């Protein structure tokens, strides 16, 4: 069964850091492009970062310089390191493998 499971979300103060994980099963994280998105209430789903099968990463302007996407092929896991978090980063964060396989999301709340 192909599945993605996100984890690592939580409550963090502004300026803090979190590392999100997206554990894959039934697929290989290195076999296809993978992406991170986020979804806030009342807003469109926002693309944040991608990493292709060759390891090339791209970022949305809103997170460039603060977030880093990476993957561990041995652990079959995608990561999103998030630094200098802001209240506006509060959202459900989701990973996607290829064009259509999504995880269920993990909640990130940035608040003092």
Protein backbone atom coordinates (compact mmCIF):
# COMPACT_ATOMS: atom_id res chain seq x y z
CA UNK A 1 0.00 0.00 0.00
CA UNK A 2 1.38 3.37 -1.04
CA UNK A 3 1.29 5.79 1.88
CA UNK A 4 2.79 9.02 3.18
CA UNK A 5 2.66 9.89 6.87
CA UNK A 6 3.69 13.33 8.10
CA UNK A 7 4.86 14.04 11.63
CA UNK A 8 6.82 16.61 13.60
CA UNK A 9 4.28 19.38 13.81
CA UNK A 10 3.36 21.15 17.00
CA UNK A 11 3.29 24.46 18.81
CA UNK A 12 6.37 26.65 18.56
CA UNK A 13 7.11 30.26 19.48
CA UNK A 14 7.90 32.84 16.80
CA UNK A 15 11.53 32.56 15.80
CA UNK A 16 11.63 28.88 16.66
CA UNK A 17 12.31 25.83 14.53
CA UNK A 18 10.64 22.55 13.67
CA UNK A 19 11.57 19.63 11.47
CA UNK A 20 8.73 17.89 9.69
CA UNK A 21 9.00 14.33 8.43
CA UNK A 22 7.10 12.54 5.68
CA UNK A 23 7.61 8.80 5.97
CA UNK A 24 6.89 6.83 2.82
CA UNK A 25 5.80 3.22 2.46
CA UNK A 26 5.11 1.26 -0.69
CA UNK A 27 7.05 3.80 -2.75
CA UNK A 28 10.57 5.19 -2.90
CA UNK A 29 11.11 8.85 -2.00
CA UNK A 30 13.97 9.00 -4.50
CA UNK A 31 11.94 7.66 -7.41
CA UNK A 32 9.85 10.75 -8.01
CA UNK A 33 9.67 14.44 -7.24
CA UNK A 34 8.36 15.23 -3.78
CA UNK A 35 6.78 18.41 -2.55
CA UNK A 36 5.72 20.17 0.65
CA UNK A 37 2.57 22.25 0.80
CA UNK A 38 0.59 23.96 3.51
CA UNK A 39 -3.07 24.71 3.99
CA UNK A 40 -4.56 27.38 6.22
CA UNK A 41 -8.29 27.86 6.89
CA UNK A 42 -9.84 30.03 4.23
CA UNK A 43 -6.73 30.03 2.07
CA UNK A 44 -5.66 28.11 -1.01
CA UNK A 45 -3.18 25.30 -0.58
CA UNK A 46 0.27 26.83 -0.93
CA UNK A 47 3.24 25.08 -2.51
CA UNK A 48 6.39 25.50 -0.42
CA UNK A 49 9.23 23.38 -1.74
CA UNK A 50 10.12 20.51 -4.01
CA UNK A 51 12.97 18.12 -4.51
CA UNK A 52 13.33 16.09 -7.70
CA UNK A 53 14.73 12.61 -8.16
CA UNK A 54 18.14 14.11 -8.82
CA UNK A 55 18.10 16.02 -5.54
CA UNK A 56 17.53 19.49 -6.98
CA UNK A 57 15.45 21.66 -4.65
CA UNK A 58 13.24 24.65 -5.31
CA UNK A 59 11.43 26.95 -2.88
CA UNK A 60 8.57 29.40 -2.78
CA UNK A 61 9.66 32.96 -2.13
CA UNK A 62 7.69 32.94 1.12
CA UNK A 63 9.99 30.32 2.67
CA UNK A 64 13.25 30.68 0.76
CA UNK A 65 16.15 31.06 3.16
CA UNK A 66 14.12 29.79 6.12
CA UNK A 67 12.97 26.30 5.08
CA UNK A 68 15.07 23.45 3.74
CA UNK A 69 13.72 20.36 1.98
CA UNK A 70 15.74 17.16 2.08
CA UNK A 71 15.31 13.42 1.93
CA UNK A 72 16.95 10.36 3.41
CA UNK A 73 16.80 7.56 0.89
CA UNK A 74 17.84 4.93 3.42
CA UNK A 75 15.06 5.99 5.80
CA UNK A 76 12.70 6.51 2.85
CA UNK A 77 11.67 9.82 4.42
CA UNK A 78 11.26 13.39 3.22
CA UNK A 79 12.02 16.27 5.59
CA UNK A 80 11.27 19.96 5.90
CA UNK A 81 13.50 21.91 8.25
CA UNK A 82 11.74 25.12 9.22
CA UNK A 83 13.64 27.93 10.91
CA UNK A 84 12.75 31.50 11.91
CA UNK A 85 9.10 30.55 12.10
CA UNK A 86 6.47 33.27 11.97
CA UNK A 87 2.82 33.29 13.07
CA UNK A 88 1.82 33.34 9.40
CA UNK A 89 3.50 29.95 8.98
CA UNK A 90 0.67 28.43 11.02
CA UNK A 91 -1.01 25.80 8.85
CA UNK A 92 -1.44 22.10 8.16
CA UNK A 93 1.66 20.90 6.32
CA UNK A 94 1.35 18.15 3.74
CA UNK A 95 3.75 16.21 1.57
CA UNK A 96 3.10 14.90 -1.92
CA UNK A 97 4.84 12.19 -3.97
CA UNK A 98 4.57 12.49 -7.71
CA UNK A 99 1.40 14.06 -9.06
CA UNK A 100 -1.23 12.59 -6.81
CA UNK A 101 -0.14 10.80 -3.60
CA UNK A 102 -0.69 12.98 -0.53
CA UNK A 103 -0.18 12.51 3.17
CA UNK A 104 -2.78 13.43 5.76
CA UNK A 105 -0.91 16.48 7.08
CA UNK A 106 0.57 17.67 10.35
CA UNK A 107 -0.46 20.83 12.19
CA UNK A 108 2.09 23.57 12.81
CA UNK A 109 1.11 26.44 15.09
CA UNK A 110 3.43 29.40 15.59
CA UNK A 111 2.33 31.47 18.55
CA UNK A 112 3.62 33.00 21.74
